[in-house]
Amino acid sequence: MRPKRMFIFAGNHPKLVTGARYTLREISDITGVNNKTIHSRMYGRDRITDRTIQAREYNGRWKKSETHLDNANERLSAKWLAVPLTKLNN
């Protein structure tokens, strides 16, 4: 059996301690955010942040988040992915 993966919490939450290690199930139980949602948000990450455990607001339609890009590399990549490809000379 594999050991449970632990993630370090780095943020401000009244029920969580900054610097402590938690499993995804513990985070889900403490914050009330669905376990599968937390699992999806944590893909490729090693730290739990306030944004990871933030519940989305619903008021008739889903509110768009400001941005889903976390760092400068992701923003640069998104900028170039939005540029249309030009025709190649064949």
N, C-alpha and C. Protein backbone atom coordinates (compact mmCIF):
# COMPACT_ATOMS: atom_id res chain seq x y z
N MET A 1 0.84 -1.18 0.00
CA MET A 1 0.00 0.00 0.00
C MET A 1 0.89 1.25 0.00
N ARG A 2 0.56 2.19 -0.87
CA ARG A 2 1.32 3.42 -0.96
C ARG A 2 1.07 4.31 0.26
N PRO A 3 2.09 5.02 0.73
CA PRO A 3 1.85 5.97 1.82
C PRO A 3 1.03 7.15 1.30
N LYS A 4 0.22 7.72 2.18
CA LYS A 4 -0.62 8.84 1.79
C LYS A 4 0.25 10.06 1.49
N ARG A 5 -0.10 10.75 0.42
CA ARG A 5 0.65 11.95 0.04
C ARG A 5 0.19 13.11 0.91
N MET A 6 1.15 13.82 1.46
CA MET A 6 0.87 14.95 2.33
C MET A 6 1.25 16.24 1.62
N PHE A 7 0.44 17.27 1.78
CA PHE A 7 0.67 18.57 1.17
C PHE A 7 0.84 19.61 2.26
N ILE A 8 1.72 20.56 2.04
CA ILE A 8 1.97 21.64 2.99
C ILE A 8 0.98 22.76 2.74
N PHE A 9 0.34 23.25 3.81
CA PHE A 9 -0.58 24.37 3.69
C PHE A 9 0.17 25.67 3.86
N ALA A 10 -0.02 26.59 2.93
CA ALA A 10 0.58 27.92 3.00
C ALA A 10 -0.51 28.94 2.70
N GLY A 11 -1.14 29.44 3.74
CA GLY A 11 -2.21 30.40 3.54
C GLY A 11 -2.82 30.82 4.85
N ASN A 12 -3.97 31.49 4.76
CA ASN A 12 -4.68 31.97 5.94
C ASN A 12 -6.07 31.36 5.96
N HIS A 13 -6.27 30.40 6.83
CA HIS A 13 -7.57 29.77 7.00
C HIS A 13 -7.75 29.51 8.48
N PRO A 14 -8.92 29.82 9.04
CA PRO A 14 -9.09 29.69 10.49
C PRO A 14 -8.96 28.26 11.01
N LYS A 15 -9.23 27.26 10.19
CA LYS A 15 -9.18 25.87 10.66
C LYS A 15 -7.90 25.14 10.27
N LEU A 16 -7.02 25.79 9.50
CA LEU A 16 -5.78 25.15 9.05
C LEU A 16 -4.57 25.90 9.58
N VAL A 17 -3.49 25.17 9.80
CA VAL A 17 -2.27 25.75 10.34
C VAL A 17 -1.25 25.88 9.19
N THR A 18 -0.73 27.09 9.01
CA THR A 18 0.26 27.32 7.97
C THR A 18 1.52 26.52 8.28
N GLY A 19 2.03 25.80 7.28
CA GLY A 19 3.22 24.99 7.44
C GLY A 19 2.94 23.55 7.84
N ALA A 20 1.70 23.26 8.22
CA ALA A 20 1.32 21.88 8.60
C ALA A 20 1.06 21.06 7.33
N ARG A 21 1.15 19.74 7.48
CA ARG A 21 0.92 18.84 6.35
C ARG A 21 -0.45 18.18 6.49
N TYR A 22 -1.16 18.12 5.35
CA TYR A 22 -2.50 17.54 5.32
C TYR A 22 -2.64 16.63 4.10
N THR A 23 -3.52 15.63 4.22
CA THR A 23 -3.88 14.83 3.05
C THR A 23 -5.03 15.57 2.36
N LEU A 24 -5.33 15.18 1.13
CA LEU A 24 -6.42 15.82 0.40
C LEU A 24 -7.76 15.55 1.07
N ARG A 25 -7.93 14.36 1.63
CA ARG A 25 -9.17 14.02 2.32
C ARG A 25 -9.36 14.91 3.55
N GLU A 26 -8.28 15.15 4.31
CA GLU A 26 -8.38 16.02 5.48
C GLU A 26 -8.76 17.44 5.07
N ILE A 27 -8.14 17.94 4.01
CA ILE A 27 -8.46 19.29 3.53
C ILE A 27 -9.93 19.36 3.13
N SER A 28 -10.40 18.34 2.42
CA SER A 28 -11.79 18.29 1.99
C SER A 28 -12.74 18.29 3.19
N ASP A 29 -12.45 17.48 4.17
CA ASP A 29 -13.30 17.40 5.36
C ASP A 29 -13.31 18.70 6.16
N ILE A 30 -12.16 19.34 6.27
CA ILE A 30 -12.05 20.57 7.07
C ILE A 30 -12.71 21.76 6.37
N THR A 31 -12.48 21.90 5.07
CA THR A 31 -12.96 23.09 4.35
C THR A 31 -14.35 22.94 3.75
N GLY A 32 -14.79 21.70 3.54
CA GLY A 32 -16.11 21.49 2.96
C GLY A 32 -16.11 21.49 1.43
N VAL A 33 -14.93 21.62 0.81
CA VAL A 33 -14.82 21.55 -0.65
C VAL A 33 -14.73 20.08 -1.05
N ASN A 34 -15.42 19.71 -2.11
CA ASN A 34 -15.47 18.32 -2.56
C ASN A 34 -14.06 17.75 -2.73
N ASN A 35 -13.87 16.49 -2.33
CA ASN A 35 -12.57 15.83 -2.40
C ASN A 35 -12.04 15.77 -3.84
N LYS A 36 -12.89 15.45 -4.79
CA LYS A 36 -12.45 15.38 -6.19
C LYS A 36 -12.07 16.76 -6.72
N THR A 37 -12.72 17.79 -6.26
CA THR A 37 -12.37 19.16 -6.66
C THR A 37 -10.98 19.50 -6.14
N ILE A 38 -10.73 19.21 -4.88
CA ILE A 38 -9.40 19.46 -4.30
C ILE A 38 -8.34 18.66 -5.05
N HIS A 39 -8.65 17.41 -5.34
CA HIS A 39 -7.71 16.55 -6.05
C HIS A 39 -7.36 17.15 -7.42
N SER A 40 -8.35 17.63 -8.14
CA SER A 40 -8.12 18.24 -9.45
C SER A 40 -7.30 19.51 -9.34
N ARG A 41 -7.58 20.32 -8.34
CA ARG A 41 -6.85 21.58 -8.17
C ARG A 41 -5.40 21.35 -7.76
N MET A 42 -5.12 20.22 -7.12
CA MET A 42 -3.77 19.96 -6.62
C MET A 42 -2.89 19.23 -7.62
N TYR A 43 -3.41 18.89 -8.80
CA TYR A 43 -2.62 18.17 -9.80
C TYR A 43 -1.37 18.97 -10.15
N GLY A 44 -0.20 18.37 -9.95
CA GLY A 44 1.07 19.01 -10.29
C GLY A 44 1.55 20.04 -9.27
N ARG A 45 0.90 20.12 -8.13
CA ARG A 45 1.29 21.10 -7.11
C ARG A 45 1.70 20.37 -5.83
N ASP A 46 2.46 21.07 -4.99
CA ASP A 46 2.88 20.46 -3.73
C ASP A 46 2.47 21.27 -2.52
N ARG A 47 1.88 22.45 -2.74
CA ARG A 47 1.43 23.30 -1.63
C ARG A 47 -0.04 23.64 -1.79
N ILE A 48 -0.74 23.64 -0.67
CA ILE A 48 -2.14 24.04 -0.65
C ILE A 48 -2.17 25.52 -0.32
N THR A 49 -2.87 26.30 -1.11
CA THR A 49 -2.98 27.74 -0.87
C THR A 49 -4.43 28.10 -0.59
N ASP A 50 -4.66 29.36 -0.24
CA ASP A 50 -6.02 29.84 -0.02
C ASP A 50 -6.87 29.65 -1.27
N ARG A 51 -6.26 29.85 -2.41
CA ARG A 51 -6.98 29.73 -3.68
C ARG A 51 -7.41 28.29 -3.95
N THR A 52 -6.62 27.35 -3.49
CA THR A 52 -6.94 25.93 -3.69
C THR A 52 -8.22 25.55 -2.96
N ILE A 53 -8.42 26.11 -1.78
CA ILE A 53 -9.57 25.73 -0.96
C ILE A 53 -10.72 26.71 -1.06
N GLN A 54 -10.63 27.66 -1.95
CA GLN A 54 -11.68 28.65 -2.12
C GLN A 54 -12.86 28.04 -2.87
N ALA A 55 -14.05 28.20 -2.32
CA ALA A 55 -15.25 27.69 -2.98
C ALA A 55 -15.70 28.70 -4.03
N ARG A 56 -16.20 28.19 -5.15
CA ARG A 56 -16.70 29.08 -6.20
C ARG A 56 -18.05 29.62 -5.80
N GLU A 57 -18.32 30.85 -6.24
CA GLU A 57 -19.61 31.47 -5.94
C GLU A 57 -20.58 31.23 -7.08
N TYR A 58 -21.81 30.94 -6.73
CA TYR A 58 -22.84 30.72 -7.73
C TYR A 58 -24.03 31.60 -7.41
N ASN A 59 -24.39 32.47 -8.36
CA ASN A 59 -25.56 33.32 -8.17
C ASN A 59 -26.37 33.35 -9.47
N GLY A 60 -26.79 32.19 -9.91
CA GLY A 60 -27.54 32.10 -11.16
C GLY A 60 -26.64 31.70 -12.32
N ARG A 61 -25.38 32.10 -12.26
CA ARG A 61 -24.38 31.67 -13.24
C ARG A 61 -23.01 31.72 -12.56
N TRP A 62 -22.11 30.91 -13.04
CA TRP A 62 -20.80 30.82 -12.39
C TRP A 62 -20.01 32.09 -12.63
N LYS A 63 -19.40 32.57 -11.58
CA LYS A 63 -18.56 33.76 -11.64
C LYS A 63 -17.19 33.35 -12.17
N LYS A 64 -16.68 34.07 -13.15
CA LYS A 64 -15.36 33.77 -13.69
C LYS A 64 -14.30 34.25 -12.71
N SER A 65 -13.27 33.44 -12.53
CA SER A 65 -12.18 33.86 -11.66
C SER A 65 -11.33 34.87 -12.41
N GLU A 66 -10.54 35.63 -11.68
CA GLU A 66 -9.70 36.65 -12.30
C GLU A 66 -8.78 36.03 -13.34
N THR A 67 -8.03 35.04 -12.92
CA THR A 67 -7.15 34.33 -13.84
C THR A 67 -6.83 32.97 -13.24
N HIS A 68 -6.56 32.02 -14.07
CA HIS A 68 -6.17 30.71 -13.58
C HIS A 68 -4.67 30.50 -13.71
N LEU A 69 -3.98 31.54 -14.17
CA LEU A 69 -2.54 31.44 -14.39
C LEU A 69 -1.80 31.89 -13.13
N ASP A 70 -0.97 31.01 -12.60
CA ASP A 70 -0.34 31.27 -11.32
C ASP A 70 0.99 31.99 -11.39
N ASN A 71 1.75 31.81 -12.46
CA ASN A 71 3.07 32.42 -12.48
C ASN A 71 3.36 33.03 -13.85
N ALA A 72 4.49 33.69 -13.96
CA ALA A 72 4.86 34.41 -15.19
C ALA A 72 5.01 33.45 -16.37
N ASN A 73 5.53 32.25 -16.13
CA ASN A 73 5.71 31.28 -17.22
C ASN A 73 4.36 30.87 -17.81
N GLU A 74 3.37 30.63 -16.96
CA GLU A 74 2.06 30.24 -17.46
C GLU A 74 1.40 31.39 -18.22
N ARG A 75 1.56 32.64 -17.75
CA ARG A 75 0.99 33.78 -18.45
C ARG A 75 1.64 33.98 -19.81
N LEU A 76 2.97 33.81 -19.89
CA LEU A 76 3.67 33.95 -21.16
C LEU A 76 3.22 32.86 -22.13
N SER A 77 3.09 31.65 -21.65
CA SER A 77 2.65 30.54 -22.50
C SER A 77 1.24 30.82 -23.03
N ALA A 78 0.33 31.28 -22.17
CA ALA A 78 -1.04 31.56 -22.58
C ALA A 78 -1.07 32.67 -23.62
N LYS A 79 -0.20 33.66 -23.46
CA LYS A 79 -0.14 34.77 -24.42
C LYS A 79 0.21 34.24 -25.81
N TRP A 80 1.20 33.36 -25.90
CA TRP A 80 1.62 32.84 -27.20
C TRP A 80 0.66 31.80 -27.75
N LEU A 81 -0.02 31.08 -26.89
CA LEU A 81 -1.01 30.12 -27.37
C LEU A 81 -2.23 30.82 -27.96
N ALA A 82 -2.47 32.06 -27.56
CA ALA A 82 -3.61 32.82 -28.09
C ALA A 82 -3.32 33.40 -29.46
N VAL A 83 -2.07 33.44 -29.86
CA VAL A 83 -1.69 34.00 -31.18
C VAL A 83 -2.03 32.97 -32.25
N PRO A 84 -2.77 33.37 -33.29
CA PRO A 84 -3.13 32.40 -34.33
C PRO A 84 -1.91 31.96 -35.13
N LEU A 85 -1.94 30.71 -35.56
CA LEU A 85 -0.86 30.19 -36.39
C LEU A 85 -1.00 30.77 -37.80
N THR A 86 0.11 31.06 -38.44
CA THR A 86 0.07 31.56 -39.81
C THR A 86 0.16 30.39 -40.77
N LYS A 87 -0.22 30.63 -42.01
CA LYS A 87 -0.14 29.56 -43.01
C LYS A 87 1.31 29.26 -43.33
N LEU A 88 1.58 28.00 -43.48
CA LEU A 88 2.92 27.58 -43.85
C LEU A 88 3.02 27.53 -45.37
N ASN A 89 4.16 27.89 -45.92
CA ASN A 89 4.37 27.81 -47.37
C ASN A 89 4.59 26.37 -47.76
N ASN A 90 3.72 25.82 -48.55
CA ASN A 90 3.85 24.42 -49.01
C ASN A 90 4.00 24.38 -50.49
